[in-house]
Amino acid sequence: MRVGVITFPGSLDDRDAQRAIRLSGGTPVALWHGDHDLQGVDAIVLPGGFSYGDYLRCGAIAAVSPIMTEVIAAAETGLPVLGICNGFQMLTETHLLPGGLIRNEAGSFVCRDQRLRVENASTVWTSGYTAGDEITIPLKNGEGGYIADDETIKRLEGEGRVVFRYLDANPNGSVADIAGVTNERGNVVGLMPHPEHAVEPGFGPDTSAAMRSGVDGLTLFRSALESVLSV
């Protein structure tokens, strides 16, 4: 399975996403924001970082990059797309996902290991989990507060489209502790925490077994791999 990782000016976690794909058994394919060619990939990851320096709004300029025309069209046909942090912001800016992300409620950048509950295990990116699973992956953002109007929140909750929810504490003031959502089809998922930073023993969050041994994020990438290969 070939998974494209798009690099934008200011992307920070594109190489980490490529490593996560490799560890999951896939083949990462580097894609460039200024191109119109997805190179026939089977899935796409929009990585974290500060695309275009977060000018205007986080993800707003990246959302109109040339390659996003192709991403939007591909997503609408069912291609799996994962947006992580800044990538999540891009997905809301393109309206592939509803809502938006605003400045953290406390007004400061947050960097910590974050506990989450998996609310929806039926998407392409979460099928390897079981609904109710509690996982820990790193979080790092300054504008990660998820917002949407009341009607949209009701629809997301009613349709089971909240994918991840914050546990213990809400780090950025997101409505209803929402950490990630999906589109109706379940092929597009966006989340603020960084699963690509919890894929390899020795480099992930601490667990009761050992320091930095957490690999809860690897399941997202393996889920997409297995979903695509099973088609």
Protein backbone atom coordinates (compact mmCIF):
# COMPACT_ATOMS: atom_id res chain seq x y z
CA MET A 1 0.00 0.00 0.00
CA ARG A 2 1.36 3.40 -1.02
CA VAL A 3 0.49 6.30 1.27
CA GLY A 4 1.19 9.86 0.18
CA VAL A 5 2.44 12.37 2.74
CA ILE A 6 2.13 15.95 1.55
CA THR A 7 4.81 18.46 2.50
CA PHE A 8 3.79 22.11 2.72
CA PRO A 9 6.10 25.05 3.52
CA GLY A 10 6.28 24.81 7.31
CA SER A 11 5.40 21.12 7.66
CA LEU A 12 7.24 19.63 10.64
CA ASP A 13 5.97 16.10 10.99
CA ASP A 14 5.98 14.84 7.42
CA ARG A 15 9.03 12.63 7.99
CA ASP A 16 7.50 11.26 11.20
CA ALA A 17 4.33 10.37 9.28
CA GLN A 18 6.43 8.63 6.63
CA ARG A 19 8.18 6.63 9.35
CA ALA A 20 4.84 5.63 10.88
CA ILE A 21 3.62 4.41 7.49
CA ARG A 22 6.80 2.41 7.01
CA LEU A 23 6.49 0.83 10.47
CA SER A 24 2.88 -0.11 9.74
CA GLY A 25 3.95 -2.03 6.65
CA GLY A 26 3.09 0.57 4.04
CA THR A 27 5.22 2.47 1.55
CA PRO A 28 5.39 6.25 2.12
CA VAL A 29 5.32 8.48 -0.95
CA ALA A 30 6.53 12.08 -0.60
CA LEU A 31 4.14 14.54 -2.27
CA TRP A 32 4.68 18.28 -2.78
CA HIS A 33 2.06 20.96 -2.13
CA GLY A 34 2.69 22.70 -5.44
CA ASP A 35 1.99 19.66 -7.62
CA HIS A 36 -1.26 18.35 -9.06
CA ASP A 37 -0.14 14.71 -9.02
CA LEU A 38 -1.07 12.26 -6.25
CA GLN A 39 1.11 9.62 -7.93
CA GLY A 40 -1.56 6.94 -7.68
CA VAL A 41 -1.35 6.57 -3.89
CA ASP A 42 -3.85 4.46 -1.95
CA ALA A 43 -4.23 6.93 0.93
CA ILE A 44 -3.05 10.39 1.98
CA VAL A 45 -1.74 11.92 5.20
CA LEU A 46 -1.79 15.67 5.78
CA PRO A 47 0.90 16.09 8.45
CA GLY A 48 1.28 18.44 11.38
CA GLY A 49 3.33 21.61 11.48
CA PHE A 50 2.82 25.27 10.75
CA SER A 51 2.01 25.42 7.05
CA TYR A 52 2.72 28.87 5.63
CA GLY A 53 3.62 30.01 9.13
CA ASP A 54 -0.03 29.76 10.23
CA TYR A 55 -0.67 33.12 8.57
CA LEU A 56 -4.30 34.14 8.00
CA ARG A 57 -5.65 31.05 9.84
CA CYS A 58 -3.98 27.74 10.57
CA GLY A 59 -4.34 25.58 7.45
CA ALA A 60 -6.20 28.24 5.46
CA ILE A 61 -3.48 28.92 2.90
CA ALA A 62 -2.49 25.25 2.63
CA ALA A 63 -6.13 24.42 1.92
CA VAL A 64 -5.88 26.24 -1.42
CA SER A 65 -2.51 24.78 -2.42
CA PRO A 66 -2.55 23.17 -5.88
CA ILE A 67 -2.42 19.60 -4.61
CA MET A 68 -5.45 20.10 -2.38
CA THR A 69 -7.63 20.25 -5.49
CA GLU A 70 -6.61 16.65 -6.12
CA VAL A 71 -6.97 15.67 -2.45
CA ILE A 72 -10.53 16.99 -2.28
CA ALA A 73 -11.53 15.19 -5.47
CA ALA A 74 -9.90 11.94 -4.33
CA ALA A 75 -11.47 12.12 -0.87
CA GLU A 76 -14.89 12.56 -2.42
CA THR A 77 -14.40 9.28 -4.31
CA GLY A 78 -13.51 7.45 -1.08
CA LEU A 79 -9.71 7.69 -0.90
CA PRO A 80 -8.62 7.49 2.77
CA VAL A 81 -7.33 10.85 4.05
CA LEU A 82 -5.91 11.49 7.52
CA GLY A 83 -5.30 15.03 8.78
CA ILE A 84 -3.10 15.35 11.86
CA CYS A 85 -3.09 18.64 13.81
CA ASN A 86 -2.32 21.21 11.08
CA GLY A 87 -3.68 18.62 8.64
CA PHE A 88 -6.94 18.54 10.62
CA GLN A 89 -7.09 22.31 10.28
CA MET A 90 -6.67 21.94 6.51
CA LEU A 91 -9.53 19.45 6.35
CA THR A 92 -11.90 21.85 8.08
CA GLU A 93 -10.73 24.73 5.87
CA THR A 94 -11.52 22.67 2.75
CA HIS A 95 -14.85 21.58 4.27
CA LEU A 96 -13.95 17.94 3.93
CA LEU A 97 -14.69 17.93 7.66
CA PRO A 98 -17.15 20.18 9.50
CA GLY A 99 -16.31 22.75 12.16
CA GLY A 100 -13.06 24.58 12.77
CA LEU A 101 -10.11 24.95 15.12
CA ILE A 102 -9.41 28.05 17.21
CA ARG A 103 -6.83 29.29 19.70
CA ASN A 104 -6.53 27.09 22.80
CA GLU A 105 -8.81 28.22 25.58
CA ALA A 106 -5.88 28.95 27.91
CA GLY A 107 -4.20 31.00 25.18
CA SER A 108 -0.98 28.99 25.29
CA PHE A 109 0.70 26.23 23.31
CA VAL A 110 0.10 22.76 24.77
CA CYS A 111 2.60 19.88 24.51
CA ARG A 112 1.88 16.70 26.48
CA ASP A 113 0.97 13.05 26.30
CA GLN A 114 -2.81 12.96 26.01
CA ARG A 115 -5.27 10.22 26.90
CA LEU A 116 -8.09 9.71 24.42
CA ARG A 117 -11.12 7.49 24.12
CA VAL A 118 -11.87 5.91 20.76
CA GLU A 119 -15.52 6.71 20.08
CA ASN A 120 -15.82 5.39 16.53
CA ALA A 121 -13.98 2.27 15.42
CA SER A 122 -15.70 1.95 12.06
CA THR A 123 -13.70 4.46 10.02
CA VAL A 124 -10.95 3.48 7.61
CA TRP A 125 -8.39 4.87 10.07
CA THR A 126 -9.78 3.40 13.32
CA SER A 127 -11.03 -0.06 12.36
CA GLY A 128 -8.19 -1.68 14.29
CA TYR A 129 -9.47 -0.26 17.56
CA THR A 130 -12.57 -1.17 19.55
CA ALA A 131 -15.01 1.57 20.48
CA GLY A 132 -14.28 2.54 24.07
CA ASP A 133 -10.54 1.85 23.84
CA GLU A 134 -8.46 4.31 25.83
CA ILE A 135 -5.17 5.28 24.23
CA THR A 136 -2.35 7.75 24.85
CA ILE A 137 -0.64 9.74 22.12
CA PRO A 138 1.23 13.07 22.14
CA LEU A 139 -0.53 16.38 21.66
CA LYS A 140 1.12 19.64 20.61
CA ASN A 141 -0.85 22.62 19.37
CA GLY A 142 -1.65 26.26 19.93
CA GLU A 143 -4.90 26.39 17.98
CA GLY A 144 -6.56 23.07 18.71
CA GLY A 145 -9.90 24.08 20.16
CA TYR A 146 -12.56 22.32 18.06
CA ILE A 147 -15.70 24.34 17.48
CA ALA A 148 -18.91 23.98 15.48
CA ASP A 149 -22.44 25.31 15.77
CA ASP A 150 -24.93 23.48 17.95
CA GLU A 151 -26.68 21.83 15.02
CA THR A 152 -23.41 20.46 13.65
CA ILE A 153 -22.37 19.11 17.05
CA LYS A 154 -25.75 17.40 17.43
CA ARG A 155 -25.37 15.85 14.00
CA LEU A 156 -21.82 14.65 14.68
CA GLU A 157 -22.84 13.12 18.00
CA GLY A 158 -26.03 11.60 16.59
CA GLU A 159 -24.29 10.09 13.58
CA GLY A 160 -21.37 8.74 15.61
CA ARG A 161 -18.89 10.93 13.76
CA VAL A 162 -16.89 11.96 16.81
CA VAL A 163 -13.89 9.65 16.46
CA PHE A 164 -11.73 10.58 19.45
CA ARG A 165 -12.55 12.36 22.70
CA TYR A 166 -10.19 13.83 25.30
CA LEU A 167 -10.00 12.06 28.66
CA ASP A 168 -8.95 13.37 32.10
CA ALA A 169 -8.73 16.97 30.93
CA ASN A 170 -9.66 19.00 27.89
CA PRO A 171 -6.32 20.54 26.83
CA ASN A 172 -7.62 23.21 24.47
CA GLY A 173 -11.28 23.91 25.24
CA SER A 174 -12.74 21.81 22.43
CA VAL A 175 -16.53 21.56 22.41
CA ALA A 176 -17.70 18.31 24.03
CA ASP A 177 -14.06 17.23 24.54
CA ILE A 178 -13.84 16.43 20.82
CA ALA A 179 -10.33 15.46 19.69
CA GLY A 180 -11.15 14.10 16.23
CA VAL A 181 -14.02 13.70 13.78
CA THR A 182 -14.83 11.92 10.52
CA ASN A 183 -16.87 12.59 7.42
CA GLU A 184 -20.09 10.69 6.71
CA ARG A 185 -18.34 8.07 4.62
CA GLY A 186 -15.65 7.35 7.22
CA ASN A 187 -12.69 7.70 4.86
CA VAL A 188 -11.62 11.17 6.02
CA VAL A 189 -10.50 11.58 9.63
CA GLY A 190 -8.94 14.57 11.37
CA LEU A 191 -7.51 14.71 14.88
CA MET A 192 -5.39 17.16 16.85
CA PRO A 193 -3.13 14.70 18.74
CA HIS A 194 -0.21 13.10 16.87
CA PRO A 195 -0.45 9.32 16.37
CA GLU A 196 2.79 9.33 14.35
CA HIS A 197 4.66 10.10 17.58
CA ALA A 198 3.46 6.89 19.22
CA VAL A 199 4.48 4.17 16.80
CA GLU A 200 7.83 2.83 17.96
CA PRO A 201 9.00 1.54 21.36
CA GLY A 202 11.54 3.89 22.89
CA PHE A 203 10.10 7.00 21.25
CA GLY A 204 6.46 7.14 22.36
CA PRO A 205 4.58 8.09 25.53
CA ASP A 206 5.43 6.48 28.85
CA THR A 207 3.40 3.42 29.86
CA SER A 208 3.20 1.25 32.96
CA ALA A 209 5.46 -1.24 31.16
CA ALA A 210 8.34 1.12 30.40
CA MET A 211 9.23 4.72 29.68
CA ARG A 212 8.52 5.85 26.11
CA SER A 213 7.08 2.47 25.18
CA GLY A 214 3.65 3.62 24.01
CA VAL A 215 2.68 2.67 20.45
CA ASP A 216 -1.06 3.36 20.50
CA GLY A 217 -0.82 5.53 17.40
CA LEU A 218 0.41 2.75 15.14
CA THR A 219 -3.09 1.28 14.93
CA LEU A 220 -4.35 4.24 12.88
CA PHE A 221 -1.86 3.56 10.12
CA ARG A 222 -2.32 -0.22 10.26
CA SER A 223 -6.10 0.23 10.13
CA ALA A 224 -5.86 2.10 6.84
CA LEU A 225 -3.46 -0.47 5.44
CA GLU A 226 -5.75 -3.36 6.31
CA SER A 227 -8.87 -1.51 5.12
CA VAL A 228 -7.39 -0.80 1.71
CA LEU A 229 -5.96 -4.28 1.26
CA SER A 230 -9.27 -5.89 2.19
CA VAL A 231 -11.16 -4.14 -0.61
